[in-house]
PDB file of N, CA and C in Angstrom:
ATOM      1  N   ALA A   1      45.139  38.356  33.499  1.00  0.00           N
ATOM      2  CA  ALA A   1      45.318  39.433  32.397  1.00  0.00           C
ATOM      3  C   ALA A   1      44.186  39.788  31.584  1.00  0.00           C
ATOM      4  N   THR A   2      43.718  38.669  31.153  1.00  0.00           N
ATOM      5  CA  THR A   2      42.487  38.437  29.960  1.00  0.00           C
ATOM      6  C   THR A   2      41.461  38.992  30.628  1.00  0.00           C
ATOM      7  N   LYS A   3      41.372  38.296  32.138  1.00  0.00           N
ATOM      8  CA  LYS A   3      40.262  39.102  32.546  1.00  0.00           C
ATOM      9  C   LYS A   3      40.034  40.337  32.691  1.00  0.00           C
ATOM     10  N   ALA A   4      41.382  40.962  33.295  1.00  0.00           N
ATOM     11  CA  ALA A   4      41.014  42.617  33.194  1.00  0.00           C
ATOM     12  C   ALA A   4      40.836  43.570  31.527  1.00  0.00           C
ATOM     13  N   ALA A   5      41.399  42.791  30.765  1.00  0.00           N
ATOM     14  CA  ALA A   5      40.990  42.947  29.293  1.00  0.00           C
ATOM     15  C   ALA A   5      39.418  42.758  29.138  1.00  0.00           C
ATOM     16  N   ALA A   6      38.925  41.630  29.438  1.00  0.00           N
ATOM     17  CA  ALA A   6      37.405  41.471  29.229  1.00  0.00           C
ATOM     18  C   ALA A   6      36.816  42.661  30.046  1.00  0.00           C
ATOM     19  N   HIS A   7      36.860  42.652  31.508  1.00  0.00           N
ATOM     20  CA  HIS A   7      36.281  43.845  31.959  1.00  0.00           C
ATOM     21  C   HIS A   7      36.398  45.578  31.080  1.00  0.00           C
ATOM     22  N   MET A   8      37.145  45.738  30.709  1.00  0.00           N
ATOM     23  CA  MET A   8      37.928  46.530  29.839  1.00  0.00           C
ATOM     24  C   MET A   8      36.895  46.812  28.178  1.00  0.00           C
ATOM     25  N   PHE A   9      36.544  45.491  27.823  1.00  0.00           N
ATOM     26  CA  PHE A   9      35.423  45.572  26.762  1.00  0.00           C
ATOM     27  C   PHE A   9      34.032  45.844  27.140  1.00  0.00           C
ATOM     28  N   SER A  10      33.890  45.073  29.086  1.00  0.00           N
ATOM     29  CA  SER A  10      32.674  45.548  29.095  1.00  0.00           C
ATOM     30  C   SER A  10      32.046  47.157  29.079  1.00  0.00           C
ATOM     31  N   MET A  11      33.400  47.518  29.521  1.00  0.00           N
ATOM     32  CA  MET A  11      33.104  49.353  30.103  1.00  0.00           C
ATOM     33  C   MET A  11      33.181  49.726  29.038  1.00  0.00           C
ATOM     34  N   MET A  12      34.020  49.335  27.387  1.00  0.00           N
ATOM     35  CA  MET A  12      33.927  49.655  26.147  1.00  0.00           C
ATOM     36  C   MET A  12      32.372  49.980  26.096  1.00  0.00           C
ATOM     37  N   SER A  13      31.747  48.657  26.014  1.00  0.00           N
ATOM     38  CA  SER A  13      30.263  48.422  24.876  1.00  0.00           C
ATOM     39  C   SER A  13      29.295  49.028  25.294  1.00  0.00           C
ATOM     40  N   GLY A  14      29.905  49.730  27.165  1.00  0.00           N
ATOM     41  CA  GLY A  14      28.408  50.228  27.743  1.00  0.00           C
ATOM     42  C   GLY A  14      27.461  49.605  28.515  1.00  0.00           C
ATOM     43  N   GLU A  15      27.621  47.982  28.133  1.00  0.00           N
ATOM     44  CA  GLU A  15      26.881  47.126  28.797  1.00  0.00           C
ATOM     45  C   GLU A  15      27.673  45.763  29.448  1.00  0.00           C
ATOM     46  N   GLU A  16      27.057  44.786  30.485  1.00  0.00           N
ATOM     47  CA  GLU A  16      27.711  43.739  30.463  1.00  0.00           C
ATOM     48  C   GLU A  16      27.559  42.818  29.106  1.00  0.00           C
ATOM     49  N   VAL A  17      28.706  41.953  29.464  1.00  0.00           N
ATOM     50  CA  VAL A  17      28.638  40.631  28.737  1.00  0.00           C
ATOM     51  C   VAL A  17      28.481  39.814  29.407  1.00  0.00           C
ATOM     52  N   PRO A  18      27.021  39.116  28.618  1.00  0.00           N
ATOM     53  CA  PRO A  18      26.615  37.797  29.239  1.00  0.00           C
ATOM     54  C   PRO A  18      27.725  36.844  29.149  1.00  0.00           C
ATOM     55  N   ASP A  19      28.007  36.358  27.863  1.00  0.00           N
ATOM     56  CA  ASP A  19      29.031  35.720  27.421  1.00  0.00           C
ATOM     57  C   ASP A  19      30.363  35.828  27.606  1.00  0.00           C
ATOM     58  N   THR A  20      30.874  35.467  28.993  1.00  0.00           N
ATOM     59  CA  THR A  20      32.218  35.782  29.617  1.00  0.00           C
ATOM     60  C   THR A  20      33.182  35.258  28.529  1.00  0.00           C
ATOM     61  N   ASN A  21      33.302  34.159  27.922  1.00  0.00           N
ATOM     62  CA  ASN A  21      34.379  33.493  26.705  1.00  0.00           C
ATOM     63  C   ASN A  21      34.509  34.824  25.742  1.00  0.00           C
ATOM     64  N   LYS A  22      33.168  35.589  25.162  1.00  0.00           N
ATOM     65  CA  LYS A  22      34.119  36.287  23.988  1.00  0.00           C
ATOM     66  C   LYS A  22      34.104  37.853  24.636  1.00  0.00           C
ATOM     67  N   SER A  23      34.345  38.298  25.820  1.00  0.00           N
ATOM     68  CA  SER A  23      35.325  39.185  26.442  1.00  0.00           C
ATOM     69  C   SER A  23      36.286  38.498  27.100  1.00  0.00           C
ATOM     70  N   ARG A  24      36.630  37.438  26.779  1.00  0.00           N
ATOM     71  CA  ARG A  24      38.198  36.796  27.349  1.00  0.00           C
ATOM     72  C   ARG A  24      39.102  37.043  26.373  1.00  0.00           C
ATOM     73  N   ARG A  25      37.984  35.903  24.858  1.00  0.00           N
ATOM     74  CA  ARG A  25      38.775  36.180  23.640  1.00  0.00           C
ATOM     75  C   ARG A  25      38.764  37.330  23.262  1.00  0.00           C
ATOM     76  N   TYR A  26      38.468  38.560  23.693  1.00  0.00           N
ATOM     77  CA  TYR A  26      38.808  39.985  23.131  1.00  0.00           C
ATOM     78  C   TYR A  26      39.886  40.010  23.909  1.00  0.00           C
ATOM     79  N   GLY A  27      39.550  40.165  25.042  1.00  0.00           N
ATOM     80  CA  GLY A  27      40.962  40.607  26.195  1.00  0.00           C
ATOM     81  C   GLY A  27      42.272  39.863  25.532  1.00  0.00           C
ATOM     82  N   ALA A  28      42.016  38.641  24.871  1.00  0.00           N
ATOM     83  CA  ALA A  28      43.488  37.710  24.558  1.00  0.00           C
ATOM     84  C   ALA A  28      43.576  37.983  23.268  1.00  0.00           C
ATOM     85  N   TYR A  29      42.928  38.909  22.144  1.00  0.00           N
ATOM     86  CA  TYR A  29      43.388  39.391  21.073  1.00  0.00           C
ATOM     87  C   TYR A  29      43.910  40.613  21.789  1.00  0.00           C
ATOM     88  N   ARG A  30      43.433  41.000  22.243  1.00  0.00           N
ATOM     89  CA  ARG A  30      44.170  42.604  22.721  1.00  0.00           C
ATOM     90  C   ARG A  30      45.519  42.705  23.091  1.00  0.00           C
ATOM     91  N   LEU A  31      45.900  41.663  24.183  1.00  0.00           N
ATOM     92  CA  LEU A  31      47.263  41.224  24.877  1.00  0.00           C
ATOM     93  C   LEU A  31      47.809  40.662  23.621  1.00  0.00           C
ATOM     94  N   PHE A  32      47.484  40.050  22.862  1.00  0.00           N
ATOM     95  CA  PHE A  32      48.400  39.760  21.961  1.00  0.00           C
ATOM     96  C   PHE A  32      49.264  40.558  20.829  1.00  0.00           C
ATOM     97  N   ILE A  33      48.335  41.688  20.933  1.00  0.00           N
ATOM     98  CA  ILE A  33      49.049  42.434  19.716  1.00  0.00           C
ATOM     99  C   ILE A  33      49.124  43.341  20.812  1.00  0.00           C
ATOM    100  N   ALA A  34      49.066  44.097  21.536  1.00  0.00           N
ATOM    101  CA  ALA A  34      49.671  44.443  22.805  1.00  0.00           C
ATOM    102  C   ALA A  34      51.577  44.318  22.980  1.00  0.00           C
ATOM    103  N   SER A  35      51.341  42.920  23.311  1.00  0.00           N
ATOM    104  CA  SER A  35      52.521  42.668  23.685  1.00  0.00           C
ATOM    105  C   SER A  35      53.450  42.189  22.253  1.00  0.00           C
ATOM    106  N   SER A  36      52.960  41.918  21.646  1.00  0.00           N
ATOM    107  CA  SER A  36      53.804  41.640  20.013  1.00  0.00           C
ATOM    108  C   SER A  36      54.274  42.716  19.537  1.00  0.00           C
ATOM    109  N   ILE A  37      53.767  43.512  18.965  1.00  0.00           N
ATOM    110  CA  ILE A  37      53.352  44.862  17.806  1.00  0.00           C
ATOM    111  C   ILE A  37      53.179  46.356  18.641  1.00  0.00           C
ATOM    112  N   GLY A  38      52.298  45.982  19.717  1.00  0.00           N
ATOM    113  CA  GLY A  38      51.973  47.576  20.443  1.00  0.00           C
ATOM    114  C   GLY A  38      51.073  48.278  19.781  1.00  0.00           C
ATOM    115  N   HIS A  39      50.718  49.227  20.330  1.00  0.00           N
ATOM    116  CA  HIS A  39      49.144  50.014  20.352  1.00  0.00           C
ATOM    117  C   HIS A  39      49.259  50.068  18.388  1.00  0.00           C
ATOM    118  N   LEU A  40      48.646  49.672  18.329  1.00  0.00           N
ATOM    119  CA  LEU A  40      48.364  49.969  16.702  1.00  0.00           C
ATOM    120  C   LEU A  40      46.951  51.174  16.380  1.00  0.00           C
ATOM    121  N   GLY A  41      46.510  51.835  17.124  1.00  0.00           N
ATOM    122  CA  GLY A  41      45.602  53.494  17.207  1.00  0.00           C
ATOM    123  C   GLY A  41      44.150  52.756  16.452  1.00  0.00           C
ATOM    124  N   LYS A  42      43.506  53.746  16.286  1.00  0.00           N
ATOM    125  CA  LYS A  42      42.061  53.845  15.956  1.00  0.00           C
ATOM    126  C   LYS A  42      41.950  53.706  14.689  1.00  0.00           C
ATOM    127  N   GLY A  43      40.868  52.023  14.252  1.00  0.00           N
ATOM    128  CA  GLY A  43      40.634  51.621  12.879  1.00  0.00           C
ATOM    129  C   GLY A  43      42.085  51.332  12.511  1.00  0.00           C
ATOM    130  N   ILE A  44      42.631  50.865  13.255  1.00  0.00           N
ATOM    131  CA  ILE A  44      43.816  49.935  12.389  1.00  0.00           C
ATOM    132  C   ILE A  44      43.659  48.581  12.344  1.00  0.00           C
ATOM    133  N   ARG A  45      43.471  47.656  11.783  1.00  0.00           N
ATOM    134  CA  ARG A  45      43.389  46.020  12.061  1.00  0.00           C
ATOM    135  C   ARG A  45      44.783  45.206  11.209  1.00  0.00           C
ATOM    136  N   ILE A  46      44.710  44.248  11.813  1.00  0.00           N
ATOM    137  CA  ILE A  46      45.379  43.175  11.678  1.00  0.00           C
ATOM    138  C   ILE A  46      44.905  41.897  11.681  1.00  0.00           C
ATOM    139  N   ARG A  47      45.552  40.695  10.911  1.00  0.00           N
ATOM    140  CA  ARG A  47      45.457  39.743  11.046  1.00  0.00           C
ATOM    141  C   ARG A  47      46.296  38.931  11.484  1.00  0.00           C
ATOM    142  N   LEU A  48      45.213  38.043  12.529  1.00  0.00           N
ATOM    143  CA  LEU A  48      46.096  37.269  13.446  1.00  0.00           C
ATOM    144  C   LEU A  48      46.435  35.884  12.852  1.00  0.00           C
ATOM    145  N   PRO A  49      47.192  35.740  13.647  1.00  0.00           N
ATOM    146  CA  PRO A  49      48.018  34.329  13.079  1.00  0.00           C
ATOM    147  C   PRO A  49      46.922  33.166  13.376  1.00  0.00           C
ATOM    148  N   SER A  50      46.322  32.190  12.591  1.00  0.00           N
ATOM    149  CA  SER A  50      45.497  31.460  12.397  1.00  0.00           C
ATOM    150  C   SER A  50      45.834  30.220  13.542  1.00  0.00           C
ATOM    151  N   CYS A  51      47.133  29.820  13.826  1.00  0.00           N
ATOM    152  CA  CYS A  51      47.078  28.873  15.235  1.00  0.00           C
ATOM    153  C   CYS A  51      46.608  29.606  16.528  1.00  0.00           C
ATOM    154  N   PHE A  52      46.833  31.218  16.392  1.00  0.00           N
ATOM    155  CA  PHE A  52      46.446  32.011  17.456  1.00  0.00           C
ATOM    156  C   PHE A  52      45.800  31.523  18.230  1.00  0.00           C
ATOM    157  N   VAL A  53      44.717  32.290  17.072  1.00  0.00           N
ATOM    158  CA  VAL A  53      42.771  32.796  17.038  1.00  0.00           C
ATOM    159  C   VAL A  53      41.899  30.620  17.146  1.00  0.00           C
ATOM    160  N   ARG A  54      42.906  30.000  16.330  1.00  0.00           N
ATOM    161  CA  ARG A  54      42.414  28.396  16.797  1.00  0.00           C
ATOM    162  C   ARG A  54      42.878  28.500  18.480  1.00  0.00           C
ATOM    163  N   ALA A  55      43.380  28.393  19.040  1.00  0.00           N
ATOM    164  CA  ALA A  55      44.129  28.453  20.118  1.00  0.00           C
ATOM    165  C   ALA A  55      43.009  28.998  22.050  1.00  0.00           C
ATOM    166  N   VAL A  56      42.697  30.434  20.808  1.00  0.00           N
ATOM    167  CA  VAL A  56      42.037  30.963  21.593  1.00  0.00           C
ATOM    168  C   VAL A  56      40.417  30.721  21.536  1.00  0.00           C
ATOM    169  N   ARG A  57      40.093  30.142  20.535  1.00  0.00           N
ATOM    170  CA  ARG A  57      38.909  29.654  20.200  1.00  0.00           C
ATOM    171  C   ARG A  57      38.563  28.385  20.665  1.00  0.00           C
ATOM    172  N   ASP A  58      39.771  27.827  20.982  1.00  0.00           N
ATOM    173  CA  ASP A  58      39.333  26.328  21.787  1.00  0.00           C
ATOM    174  C   ASP A  58      39.611  26.325  23.042  1.00  0.00           C
ATOM    175  N   ARG A  59      40.374  27.566  23.546  1.00  0.00           N
ATOM    176  CA  ARG A  59      40.538  27.240  25.193  1.00  0.00           C
ATOM    177  C   ARG A  59      38.982  28.390  25.319  1.00  0.00           C
ATOM    178  N   TRP A  60      38.447  29.159  24.573  1.00  0.00           N
ATOM    179  CA  TRP A  60      37.638  29.805  24.980  1.00  0.00           C
ATOM    180  C   TRP A  60      36.099  29.983  24.025  1.00  0.00           C
ATOM    181  N   PRO A  61      35.792  28.708  23.766  1.00  0.00           N
ATOM    182  CA  PRO A  61      34.568  28.894  22.761  1.00  0.00           C
ATOM    183  C   PRO A  61      33.593  29.285  22.217  1.00  0.00           C
ATOM    184  N   SER A  62      32.903  29.514  21.450  1.00  0.00           N
ATOM    185  CA  SER A  62      31.863  30.587  21.566  1.00  0.00           C
ATOM    186  C   SER A  62      30.686  29.264  20.998  1.00  0.00           C
ATOM    187  N   PRO A  63      28.902  29.388  21.575  1.00  0.00           N
ATOM    188  CA  PRO A  63      27.961  28.265  21.396  1.00  0.00           C
ATOM    189  C   PRO A  63      28.104  28.837  20.400  1.00  0.00           C
ATOM    190  N   ASN A  64      28.400  29.987  19.385  1.00  0.00           N
ATOM    191  CA  ASN A  64      27.169  30.422  18.329  1.00  0.00           C
ATOM    192  C   ASN A  64      28.313  30.262  16.851  1.00  0.00           C
ATOM    193  N   TYR A  65      29.770  29.852  17.111  1.00  0.00           N
ATOM    194  CA  TYR A  65      30.823  29.688  15.930  1.00  0.00           C
ATOM    195  C   TYR A  65      30.601  28.316  16.103  1.00  0.00           C
ATOM    196  N   THR A  66      30.339  28.509  14.624  1.00  0.00           N
ATOM    197  CA  THR A  66      30.407  27.346  13.829  1.00  0.00           C
ATOM    198  C   THR A  66      31.677  26.886  12.762  1.00  0.00           C
ATOM    199  N   GLY A  67      32.567  27.824  12.572  1.00  0.00           N
ATOM    200  CA  GLY A  67      33.057  27.866  11.101  1.00  0.00           C
ATOM    201  C   GLY A  67      33.273  27.686  10.360  1.00  0.00           C
ATOM    202  N   PHE A  68      33.746  27.364   9.039  1.00  0.00           N
ATOM    203  CA  PHE A  68      33.358  27.202   7.678  1.00  0.00           C
ATOM    204  C   PHE A  68      32.505  26.029   7.851  1.00  0.00           C
ATOM    205  N   ALA A  69      31.566  26.877   7.013  1.00  0.00           N
ATOM    206  CA  ALA A  69      30.717  25.636   6.180  1.00  0.00           C
ATOM    207  C   ALA A  69      30.280  25.768   5.003  1.00  0.00           C
ATOM    208  N   SER A  70      30.643  24.666   4.368  1.00  0.00           N
ATOM    209  CA  SER A  70      30.350  24.573   2.680  1.00  0.00           C
ATOM    210  C   SER A  70      29.196  24.277   1.897  1.00  0.00           C
ATOM    211  N   SER A  71      28.440  25.423   1.073  1.00  0.00           N
ATOM    212  CA  SER A  71      27.238  25.168   0.256  1.00  0.00           C
ATOM    213  C   SER A  71      27.326  23.904  -0.079  1.00  0.00           C
ATOM    214  N   GLU A  72      25.922  23.673   0.017  1.00  0.00           N
ATOM    215  CA  GLU A  72      25.092  22.379  -0.414  1.00  0.00           C
ATOM    216  C   GLU A  72      25.064  23.040  -2.487  1.00  0.00           C
ATOM    217  N   LEU A  73      25.405  24.077  -2.500  1.00  0.00           N
ATOM    218  CA  LEU A  73      25.175  24.063  -4.162  1.00  0.00           C
ATOM    219  C   LEU A  73      26.570  23.555  -4.504  1.00  0.00           C
ATOM    220  N   THR A  74      26.110  22.859  -5.577  1.00  0.00           N
ATOM    221  CA  THR A  74      27.486  22.105  -6.064  1.00  0.00           C
ATOM    222  C   THR A  74      27.854  22.715  -7.617  1.00  0.00           C
ATOM    223  N   ASP A  75      26.250  23.485  -8.302  1.00  0.00           N
ATOM    224  CA  ASP A  75      26.530  24.023  -9.747  1.00  0.00           C
ATOM    225  C   ASP A  75      25.577  25.069  -9.955  1.00  0.00           C
ATOM    226  N   ILE A  76      26.405  25.702 -10.291  1.00  0.00           N
ATOM    227  CA  ILE A  76      25.808  27.433 -10.311  1.00  0.00           C
ATOM    228  C   ILE A  76      24.796  27.984 -11.704  1.00  0.00           C
TER     229      ILE A  76
END
């Protein structure tokens, strides 16, 4: 199912997405919303549960995502 949603992401963006993990993460997020809440509509966004986001990122990691990195500045 995430593969089909990944294909949809590629079609919507108008170009082939070289990072298949990116499109699979997008597909997983869309499937989660569709199965738990339903169609949200254009421009409506909600925060996904952090446990779900972490599981998706573990399953399909991004080579660029580093997570939160604290600043080296301690005194401003």
